Protein backbone atom coordinates (compact mmCIF):
# COMPACT_ATOMS: atom_id res chain seq x y z
CA MET A 1 -42.71 143.40 460.78
CA GLU A 2 -41.22 143.69 457.72
CA ILE A 3 -42.28 142.52 453.92
CA LYS A 4 -40.37 142.34 450.61
CA VAL A 5 -41.74 141.70 447.68
CA LYS A 6 -40.28 141.16 443.87
CA ASN A 7 -41.72 141.07 440.54
CA LEU A 8 -45.17 141.95 442.21
CA GLY A 9 -47.04 144.22 439.43
CA VAL A 10 -44.94 147.21 438.89
CA LEU A 11 -42.64 146.78 441.45
CA LYS A 12 -39.09 145.39 440.81
CA GLN A 13 -38.11 144.83 444.22
CA ALA A 14 -39.51 146.62 447.82
CA GLU A 15 -39.13 146.51 450.98
CA PHE A 16 -41.38 148.10 453.56
CA THR A 17 -41.72 147.96 457.58
CA LEU A 18 -45.13 148.04 459.45
CA GLY A 19 -45.80 150.86 461.75
CA ASP A 20 -48.61 151.61 464.27
CA LEU A 21 -49.63 154.09 461.10
CA THR A 22 -48.38 153.04 457.45
CA ILE A 23 -48.81 155.15 454.92
CA ILE A 24 -47.71 154.45 451.11
CA CYS A 25 -47.92 157.70 448.73
CA GLY A 26 -47.20 157.97 444.81
CA GLY A 27 -48.55 158.43 441.73
CA ASN A 28 -50.99 156.29 439.82
CA ASN A 29 -49.67 152.80 438.36
CA SER A 30 -46.71 152.71 440.84
CA GLY A 31 -47.50 149.75 442.73
CA LYS A 32 -49.54 151.09 446.19
CA THR A 33 -52.57 148.61 445.45
CA TYR A 34 -50.33 145.74 444.74
CA ALA A 35 -48.36 146.11 447.81
CA THR A 36 -51.41 146.36 450.19
CA TYR A 37 -53.24 143.60 448.31
CA ALA A 38 -50.28 141.32 448.74
CA LEU A 39 -49.90 142.11 452.27
CA PHE A 40 -53.55 141.46 452.87
CA GLY A 41 -53.57 138.54 451.16
CA PHE A 42 -51.21 137.07 453.51
CA LEU A 43 -52.25 138.30 456.67
CA ASP A 44 -56.10 136.92 455.80
CA ASN A 45 -54.73 133.36 454.79
CA TRP A 46 -51.29 132.78 456.56
CA ASP A 47 -53.33 130.14 458.55
CA SER A 48 -53.42 128.33 455.47
CA PHE A 49 -50.16 128.53 454.68
CA VAL A 50 -48.10 128.10 457.94
CA SER A 51 -47.45 124.32 458.60
CA ILE A 52 -46.51 123.04 461.57
CA GLU A 53 -45.44 119.18 462.06
CA ILE A 54 -45.81 117.53 465.09
CA SER A 55 -43.65 114.17 465.40
CA SER A 56 -44.96 110.68 465.13
CA ALA A 57 -43.44 110.15 469.02
CA SER A 58 -45.47 112.36 470.59
CA ILE A 59 -48.98 111.08 468.79
CA GLU A 60 -47.48 107.49 469.46
CA GLN A 61 -47.08 108.64 473.20
CA LEU A 62 -50.27 110.35 473.21
CA LEU A 63 -52.10 107.15 471.51
CA ALA A 64 -50.39 104.87 474.41
CA LYS A 65 -50.99 106.64 477.70
CA GLY A 66 -53.59 108.74 476.57
CA VAL A 67 -51.57 112.18 477.82
CA VAL A 68 -48.49 114.11 476.11
CA LYS A 69 -46.51 117.18 476.93
CA VAL A 70 -45.13 119.11 473.84
CA ASP A 71 -42.54 121.95 474.13
CA PHE A 72 -43.64 124.52 471.73
CA GLN A 73 -40.35 126.49 472.24
CA GLN A 74 -39.05 124.42 469.66
CA TYR A 75 -41.33 125.92 467.29
CA VAL A 76 -40.59 129.08 468.14
CA LYS A 77 -37.00 128.72 467.82
CA ASN A 78 -37.55 127.58 463.88
CA ILE A 79 -40.18 130.51 463.72
CA ASP A 80 -38.11 132.19 460.61
CA MET A 81 -38.40 128.72 458.61
CA ILE A 82 -41.40 128.38 459.43
CA ILE A 83 -42.36 131.91 457.55
CA ALA A 84 -40.11 131.35 455.19
CA ASP A 85 -41.95 128.37 454.38
CA ALA A 86 -45.20 129.98 454.58
CA CYS A 87 -44.28 132.70 452.49
CA SER A 88 -43.28 130.78 450.00
CA LYS A 89 -46.19 128.65 449.54
CA TYR A 90 -48.26 132.02 449.38
CA SER A 91 -45.99 133.11 446.64
CA GLN A 92 -46.89 130.55 444.08
CA LYS A 93 -50.82 131.15 444.99
CA ILE A 94 -50.97 134.96 445.23
CA ASP A 95 -52.39 135.26 441.80
CA GLU A 96 -55.67 134.28 443.21
CA VAL A 97 -54.82 137.36 445.30
CA PHE A 98 -55.37 139.60 442.39
CA ALA A 99 -57.77 137.44 440.68
CA ALA A 100 -55.47 137.51 437.79
CA PRO A 101 -53.53 134.91 435.46
CA GLU A 102 -51.02 132.49 437.24
CA GLU A 103 -48.40 133.84 434.51
CA ARG A 104 -48.19 137.38 435.35
CA PHE A 105 -47.08 136.40 439.28
CA ASN A 106 -44.45 133.66 437.80
CA GLU A 107 -41.62 135.54 439.27
CA THR A 108 -43.57 137.07 442.13
CA GLU A 109 -41.83 136.43 445.75
CA PHE A 110 -43.41 137.66 448.94
CA HIS A 111 -41.15 137.37 452.06
CA MET A 112 -42.21 138.47 455.52
CA SER A 113 -40.44 138.72 458.90
CA LEU A 114 -40.85 139.43 462.54
CA ASP A 115 -38.67 140.68 465.23
CA THR A 116 -38.35 137.04 466.82
CA ARG A 117 -37.06 139.10 470.09
CA ASN A 118 -40.41 140.48 470.81
CA ILE A 119 -42.66 137.43 470.18
CA ARG A 120 -45.39 137.58 471.96
CA LEU A 121 -47.19 134.36 473.04
CA THR A 122 -50.74 133.68 473.74
CA GLU A 123 -50.57 133.20 477.42
CA GLN A 124 -53.34 131.19 478.09
CA PHE A 125 -55.29 128.28 475.92
CA GLU A 126 -57.85 125.95 475.77
CA SER A 127 -59.17 124.07 473.64
CA THR A 128 -61.34 120.66 472.85
CA ALA A 129 -62.03 118.85 469.34
CA SER A 130 -65.51 116.73 468.93
CA SER A 131 -66.07 114.21 466.67
CA ALA A 132 -69.15 114.64 463.76
CA THR A 133 -71.41 113.28 466.75
CA ASN A 134 -70.03 116.36 469.22
CA LYS A 135 -68.31 113.63 471.38
CA GLU A 136 -64.85 115.64 472.57
CA PHE A 137 -62.27 113.67 472.09
CA LEU A 138 -59.23 115.70 472.61
CA SER A 139 -58.06 118.79 475.15
CA ILE A 140 -55.28 120.64 474.81
CA VAL A 141 -54.04 122.91 477.33
CA LYS A 142 -51.49 125.67 477.45
CA ASN A 143 -51.27 127.07 480.93
CA VAL A 144 -49.91 130.82 481.79
CA GLY A 145 -46.10 130.70 482.18
CA SER A 146 -45.65 127.33 480.56
CA SER A 147 -43.78 126.53 477.56
CA GLU A 148 -45.73 123.17 477.17
CA LEU A 149 -49.01 122.05 475.89
CA ILE A 150 -51.04 119.33 477.59
CA ILE A 151 -52.69 117.48 475.38
CA THR A 152 -55.26 114.73 476.64
CA LEU A 153 -56.87 112.26 474.44
CA LEU A 154 -60.32 112.14 476.05
CA ALA A 155 -61.73 108.72 473.90
CA PHE A 156 -58.49 106.75 475.91
CA GLN A 157 -60.98 104.89 478.05
CA ASP A 158 -63.21 104.80 475.52
CA ASN A 159 -61.21 102.75 473.03
CA ILE A 160 -62.33 104.86 470.46
CA GLU A 161 -59.84 105.21 467.11
CA ILE A 162 -59.09 108.70 465.94
CA PRO A 163 -57.09 108.51 463.05
CA THR A 164 -53.40 110.35 464.10
CA HIS A 165 -53.89 113.06 460.94
CA ILE A 166 -56.90 114.60 462.64
CA ILE A 167 -55.18 114.29 466.44
CA ALA A 168 -51.98 115.85 464.72
CA HIS A 169 -54.10 118.73 463.08
CA PHE A 170 -55.68 119.72 466.24
CA ILE A 171 -52.15 119.78 467.88
CA SER A 172 -50.79 122.22 464.98
CA GLU A 173 -53.78 124.27 465.10
CA ALA A 174 -53.29 125.10 468.43
CA ILE A 175 -49.44 125.58 468.48
CA LYS A 176 -50.14 127.97 465.50
CA ASN A 177 -52.73 129.89 467.33
CA ILE A 178 -50.32 130.07 470.41
CA ILE A 179 -47.37 131.44 468.49
CA PHE A 180 -48.96 133.83 465.45
CA GLN A 181 -52.15 134.95 467.07
CA ARG A 182 -50.67 137.73 469.00
CA ASN A 183 -47.97 138.43 466.25
CA LEU A 184 -49.99 138.63 462.94
CA PRO A 185 -52.51 141.20 463.22
CA ARG A 186 -56.44 140.57 461.94
CA PRO A 187 -56.84 142.52 458.91
CA PHE A 188 -60.03 144.48 457.77
CA ILE A 189 -59.51 145.55 454.24
CA VAL A 190 -61.42 148.59 452.79
CA SER A 191 -60.68 148.90 449.08
CA ALA A 192 -61.26 151.62 446.58
CA GLU A 193 -63.52 149.86 444.77
CA ARG A 194 -66.07 149.67 448.44
CA THR A 195 -68.43 152.09 446.68
CA GLY A 196 -69.61 150.04 443.99
CA ALA A 197 -70.13 147.26 446.67
CA VAL A 198 -72.32 149.04 448.59
CA THR A 199 -74.64 150.60 445.64
CA PHE A 200 -75.06 147.28 444.25
CA ARG A 201 -75.54 145.02 447.09
CA LYS A 202 -79.02 144.17 446.46
CA GLU A 203 -77.76 143.29 442.76
CA LEU A 204 -74.50 140.91 444.33
CA ASN A 205 -77.23 139.42 446.52
CA PHE A 206 -79.16 138.74 444.01
CA SER A 207 -76.13 137.10 441.67
CA ARG A 208 -75.12 135.02 444.49
CA ASN A 209 -78.59 133.62 445.08
CA ARG A 210 -79.03 132.75 441.62
CA LEU A 211 -75.48 131.09 442.10
CA LEU A 212 -76.23 128.67 444.61
CA GLU A 213 -79.61 127.81 443.04
CA ARG A 214 -77.62 127.00 440.13
CA MET A 215 -75.45 124.77 442.29
CA THR A 216 -78.23 123.09 443.64
CA GLN A 217 -79.74 122.14 440.60
CA ALA A 218 -76.21 121.10 439.54
CA HIS A 219 -76.20 117.54 438.10
CA SER A 220 -73.92 115.09 440.19
CA ASP A 221 -71.39 115.03 437.03
CA MET A 222 -70.99 119.01 437.42
CA ASP A 223 -68.20 120.20 439.83
CA ARG A 224 -70.08 122.56 442.15
CA ILE A 225 -66.82 124.04 442.92
CA GLN A 226 -65.73 125.09 439.64
CA ILE A 227 -69.36 126.76 439.47
CA LEU A 228 -68.56 128.65 442.32
CA PHE A 229 -65.21 129.34 441.35
CA LYS A 230 -66.59 130.72 438.12
CA GLY A 231 -68.42 133.26 440.11
CA TYR A 232 -66.07 134.37 442.26
CA LYS A 233 -62.97 134.71 439.78
CA ASP A 234 -63.20 138.07 438.74
CA TYR A 235 -63.05 139.88 442.05
CA PRO A 236 -59.74 140.64 443.80
CA LEU A 237 -59.76 139.09 446.90
CA PRO A 238 -60.20 142.54 449.07
CA VAL A 239 -62.89 143.02 446.67
CA LYS A 240 -64.94 139.91 447.59
CA LYS A 241 -64.24 141.07 450.75
CA ASN A 242 -65.97 144.20 450.99
CA VAL A 243 -68.65 142.19 448.70
CA ASP A 244 -68.96 140.01 451.14
CA PHE A 245 -69.20 142.02 454.23
CA THR A 246 -71.69 144.69 452.63
CA ARG A 247 -73.64 141.39 451.87
CA ASN A 248 -73.70 140.42 455.77
CA LEU A 249 -74.32 143.84 457.27
CA GLU A 250 -77.67 142.54 458.75
CA SER A 251 -75.76 140.03 461.11
CA ILE A 252 -72.96 142.47 461.62
CA PHE A 253 -75.09 144.99 462.49
CA LYS A 254 -75.80 143.02 465.67
CA LYS A 255 -72.50 142.87 466.84
CA ASN A 256 -70.66 145.43 469.15
CA SER A 257 -67.07 146.23 469.05
CA PHE A 258 -64.71 147.05 471.54
CA ILE A 259 -64.94 150.54 470.29
CA THR A 260 -68.74 150.66 470.36
CA GLU A 261 -68.10 149.63 474.24
CA HIS A 262 -65.13 151.53 475.43
CA HIS A 263 -64.57 154.18 473.00
CA PRO A 264 -67.77 155.42 471.71
CA ASP A 265 -67.00 158.91 471.12
CA ILE A 266 -65.14 157.87 468.50
CA LEU A 267 -68.46 156.60 467.13
CA THR A 268 -69.72 159.91 467.92
CA ASP A 269 -66.91 161.40 465.88
CA PHE A 270 -67.40 159.32 462.71
CA ALA A 271 -71.14 160.17 462.85
CA ASP A 272 -70.21 164.26 462.71
CA ILE A 273 -67.98 162.90 459.69
CA ILE A 274 -71.08 161.41 457.82
CA GLY A 275 -73.64 163.51 459.16
CA GLY A 276 -75.71 160.79 460.00
CA GLU A 277 -75.35 157.02 461.19
CA TYR A 278 -76.51 154.17 459.28
CA MET A 279 -79.25 151.63 459.80
CA VAL A 280 -80.28 148.04 458.94
CA ASN A 281 -83.82 146.47 459.32
CA ARG A 282 -85.01 143.38 459.72
CA GLU A 283 -85.06 142.85 455.88
CA ASP A 284 -81.83 143.41 455.35
CA GLU A 285 -82.66 147.17 453.89
CA LEU A 286 -79.61 149.28 454.72
CA TYR A 287 -80.51 153.12 455.19
CA TYR A 288 -78.80 156.41 455.77
CA ILE A 289 -80.12 158.67 458.47
CA PRO A 290 -79.01 161.77 458.60
CA LYS A 291 -78.79 164.07 461.90
CA GLN A 292 -80.87 166.64 460.72
CA GLY A 293 -83.78 164.81 459.53
CA LYS A 294 -84.20 162.16 462.08
CA ARG A 295 -87.42 160.95 459.89
CA ILE A 296 -85.73 160.70 456.77
CA LYS A 297 -84.40 157.03 455.75
CA LEU A 298 -82.09 157.62 452.67
CA SER A 299 -81.34 154.36 450.43
CA MET A 300 -77.72 154.02 449.20
CA ASP A 301 -78.71 155.29 445.97
CA SER A 302 -80.09 158.36 447.41
CA SER A 303 -77.10 159.08 449.75
CA SER A 304 -74.14 160.97 448.87
CA SER A 305 -70.79 159.17 447.34
CA ALA A 306 -69.00 159.95 451.03
CA VAL A 307 -71.49 158.40 453.13
CA ARG A 308 -71.34 155.03 450.55
CA SER A 309 -67.39 155.72 450.47
CA LEU A 310 -67.18 155.42 454.33
CA LEU A 311 -69.73 152.69 455.10
CA ASP A 312 -67.67 149.96 455.55
CA ILE A 313 -65.33 151.93 457.74
CA GLY A 314 -68.32 153.16 459.74
CA PHE A 315 -69.88 149.37 460.45
CA TYR A 316 -66.26 148.21 461.20
CA LEU A 317 -65.86 150.69 463.82
CA ARG A 318 -69.15 150.12 465.48
CA HIS A 319 -69.58 146.26 464.78
CA GLU A 320 -66.13 144.58 464.03
CA ALA A 321 -63.08 146.48 465.53
CA GLN A 322 -60.85 144.30 468.10
CA LYS A 323 -57.90 145.69 469.71
CA GLY A 324 -54.87 144.59 467.85
CA ASP A 325 -56.39 144.81 464.32
CA LEU A 326 -54.87 146.11 461.47
CA LEU A 327 -57.24 148.60 459.15
CA MET A 328 -56.32 148.72 455.92
CA VAL A 329 -57.89 151.49 453.76
CA ASP A 330 -57.12 152.06 450.00
CA GLU A 331 -57.52 155.60 449.26
CA PRO A 332 -59.43 157.27 452.26
CA GLU A 333 -59.72 160.30 450.56
CA LEU A 334 -62.21 158.53 448.06
CA ASN A 335 -65.17 161.43 447.59
CA LEU A 336 -64.57 163.29 450.45
CA HIS A 337 -64.11 166.83 451.32
CA PRO A 338 -60.88 168.56 452.53
CA GLU A 339 -62.15 168.95 455.83
CA ASN A 340 -63.59 165.78 456.21
CA GLN A 341 -59.92 164.20 455.17
CA ARG A 342 -58.44 166.23 457.91
CA ARG A 343 -60.84 164.56 460.13
CA ILE A 344 -60.64 161.09 458.78
CA ALA A 345 -56.41 161.61 459.32
CA ARG A 346 -57.53 162.74 463.11
CA LEU A 347 -60.01 159.47 463.37
CA PHE A 348 -56.95 157.32 462.46
CA ALA A 349 -54.74 158.50 464.87
CA ARG A 350 -57.71 157.99 467.58
CA LEU A 351 -57.78 154.41 466.35
CA ILE A 352 -53.75 153.89 466.32
CA ASN A 353 -54.06 155.26 469.70
CA ILE A 354 -56.47 152.94 471.36
CA GLY A 355 -54.43 150.03 469.38
CA ILE A 356 -55.11 149.26 466.19
CA LYS A 357 -52.85 149.79 463.62
CA VAL A 358 -53.80 151.70 460.63
CA PHE A 359 -52.27 150.88 456.89
CA ILE A 360 -53.28 153.64 454.12
CA THR A 361 -52.53 154.21 450.51
CA THR A 362 -53.44 157.64 449.46
CA HIS A 363 -53.12 160.83 446.88
CA SER A 364 -54.11 163.06 449.87
CA ASP A 365 -51.91 166.00 450.90
CA TYR A 366 -54.54 167.00 452.81
CA ILE A 367 -54.47 163.80 454.52
CA VAL A 368 -50.57 163.59 455.00
CA LYS A 369 -50.45 167.48 456.09
CA GLU A 370 -52.90 166.87 458.86
CA LEU A 371 -51.24 163.58 460.04
CA ASN A 372 -47.77 166.15 459.82
CA THR A 373 -50.16 168.26 462.18
CA LEU A 374 -50.63 165.75 465.12
CA ILE A 375 -46.87 164.90 464.67
CA MET A 376 -45.73 168.23 465.19
CA LEU A 377 -48.31 169.21 467.94
CA ASN A 378 -47.29 165.92 470.29
CA HIS A 379 -44.45 167.78 472.15
CA ASP A 380 -44.44 169.31 475.69
CA ARG A 381 -44.30 172.86 474.96
CA PRO A 382 -47.05 175.44 476.43
CA HIS A 383 -47.45 177.48 473.15
CA LEU A 384 -48.11 173.88 471.57
CA LYS A 385 -50.48 172.76 474.28
CA GLN A 386 -52.27 176.20 473.78
CA LEU A 387 -52.47 175.97 469.83
CA ALA A 388 -53.88 173.05 470.00
CA GLU A 389 -56.68 173.63 472.73
CA ASP A 390 -57.40 176.56 470.28
CA GLU A 391 -57.83 174.42 467.50
CA GLY A 392 -59.61 171.69 468.87
CA TYR A 393 -57.17 169.02 468.75
CA LEU A 394 -57.77 166.10 471.47
CA PRO A 395 -54.65 164.49 473.18
CA ALA A 396 -55.80 161.90 471.84
CA GLU A 397 -54.95 162.71 468.70
CA LEU A 398 -51.51 163.16 468.87
CA LEU A 399 -48.84 160.98 467.21
CA SER A 400 -45.54 160.09 467.92
CA ALA A 401 -42.96 160.04 464.71
CA ASP A 402 -41.34 157.16 465.98
CA ARG A 403 -44.97 154.94 465.23
CA ILE A 404 -45.19 156.13 461.64
CA LYS A 405 -43.66 154.63 458.53
CA VAL A 406 -44.07 156.29 455.06
CA TYR A 407 -43.04 154.93 452.09
CA ILE A 408 -43.23 156.67 448.72
CA ALA A 409 -43.93 154.60 445.62
CA GLU A 410 -41.23 155.61 442.82
CA GLU A 411 -38.72 154.66 440.17
CA ALA A 412 -35.19 155.02 442.58
CA LEU A 413 -32.20 153.32 442.33
CA VAL A 414 -31.89 150.07 444.41
CA LYS A 415 -29.68 147.01 444.46
CA VAL A 416 -31.66 144.49 442.94
CA ASP A 417 -30.90 140.88 444.28
CA GLY A 418 -28.60 139.18 442.00
CA LYS A 419 -27.10 142.75 440.55
CA THR A 420 -23.67 143.82 442.10
CA ARG A 421 -24.75 147.42 440.81
CA LYS A 422 -27.99 149.42 441.95
CA VAL A 423 -30.20 150.42 438.58
CA LYS A 424 -33.32 152.18 438.29
CA VAL A 425 -36.59 150.53 438.93
CA PRO A 426 -39.87 151.02 440.24
CA THR A 427 -39.91 150.16 444.13
CA LEU A 428 -40.70 151.82 447.54
CA THR A 429 -38.95 154.43 449.25
CA GLU A 430 -38.71 155.36 452.61
CA ALA A 431 -39.67 159.03 453.34
CA LYS A 432 -38.03 160.80 456.63
CA ILE A 433 -40.11 161.39 459.55
CA ASP A 434 -39.43 164.29 461.74
CA SER A 435 -40.82 165.07 465.15
CA GLU A 436 -40.28 169.02 464.50
CA ARG A 437 -41.09 169.11 461.11
CA GLY A 438 -43.52 165.81 460.20
CA ILE A 439 -43.52 163.65 457.10
CA GLU A 440 -41.42 164.72 454.37
CA ALA A 441 -43.77 163.66 451.38
CA ARG A 442 -41.83 164.99 448.04
CA SER A 443 -44.44 162.99 446.03
CA PHE A 444 -47.49 165.62 446.88
CA ASP A 445 -44.66 168.77 447.43
CA LYS A 446 -43.31 169.06 443.59
CA THR A 447 -47.23 169.18 442.41
CA ILE A 448 -47.81 171.79 444.74
CA ASP A 449 -44.41 173.66 444.07
CA ASP A 450 -45.48 173.38 440.40
CA MET A 451 -48.80 174.79 440.79
CA ASN A 452 -47.25 177.56 443.10
CA ARG A 453 -45.03 178.58 440.61
CA ILE A 454 -47.32 178.74 437.48
CA GLN A 455 -49.64 180.75 439.50
CA ASP A 456 -47.00 182.97 440.80
CA ALA A 457 -45.94 183.44 437.06
CA ILE A 458 -49.35 184.34 435.77
CA VAL A 459 -49.90 186.96 438.67
CA TRP A 460 -46.69 188.60 438.60
CA GLY A 461 -45.20 187.39 435.30
CA GLY A 462 -46.31 190.84 433.64
CA GLU A 463 -44.72 193.54 435.73
């Protein structure tokens, strides 16, 4: 998956490719979060922007005969045009992702493309559509190996009239599911504002309840949607997602992820990182229980900043994670000791190796260097295997360089669209990754070199 943005925040023009692990480094206010939020906004809402037109001939045949077959390969062939149209619509609404004035994004463009050579379709699909009275009126089936949808009008024998636009909608949704569900990952984002969402969880619930109360008491001539919009317009979409997630922890706590079912050792490692576990009771009270004091229940106010910072990730791993997801974390190092920054890097590597893609923005040299170690150890050499064993690295933590994409948010020479010469603009520069030496993250190296130079001068300058 390739993404291109233009005039997005400070980013004049930038391109990046999604890997199994994608990292964006760079200084403050360099565009990392803009790129992250823009990608999340599209992946979270692609279904709203992708349009699949169903021919009137197919609808007419369905109404006349009660069954029709639709070849969805015609839509696969036009997938580039379908995505381009969706991106154009999304670009016009992207200000809503950032909860910012529309005029700031008048010239913003978001483009995404898929590798059409490797499109993976849903192998088997079955769906039925029901009326408001729960009477099924439409059946849509795709069999394994087939390129056709078999659409049956279940209400045909009853002579029930179903609006054609309703029928077209359900067929369109089925085709979108078959074509895009396996090619656009389900995103879960952990924003840099996550600790605030956790700390003020109860207050946010109270505000939401007040908002709902106000909506129910609104006069008939008041716009309830406008009231709701006023309650949320100040939140960028990723922050709103974090707020909603923390508000719903009681129901989320009842579910088990595929990690809980098949990879509980990952949850054990995560519990070691936070030094305990999270708990939600029936009264929707959230606690942290330290390992060393099982009888102690700490509220989020009384827990460490690291415990609050990792709560969303912890609940996602245990209760929400699905294979094929894209876990997006803005500054995973937030409030973490360097040792735990290293451990969270190794946790990400394990997630990648069980089928979850990871996307992070980071200022942490510890995280990048630990990922380098996982790359450099991933070779079939006796001394490296022995070193990995001695230092406690597991085979499940090792990474291949070709699965990783790293970008530096910085000013660089770029041939901007419409220009004949390269100009220096804020962009994303792809970093080199070597299987022997790891990631070339000069964003950190210069700062570290400067500090070493100054300290050398302090120690040795007088001699």
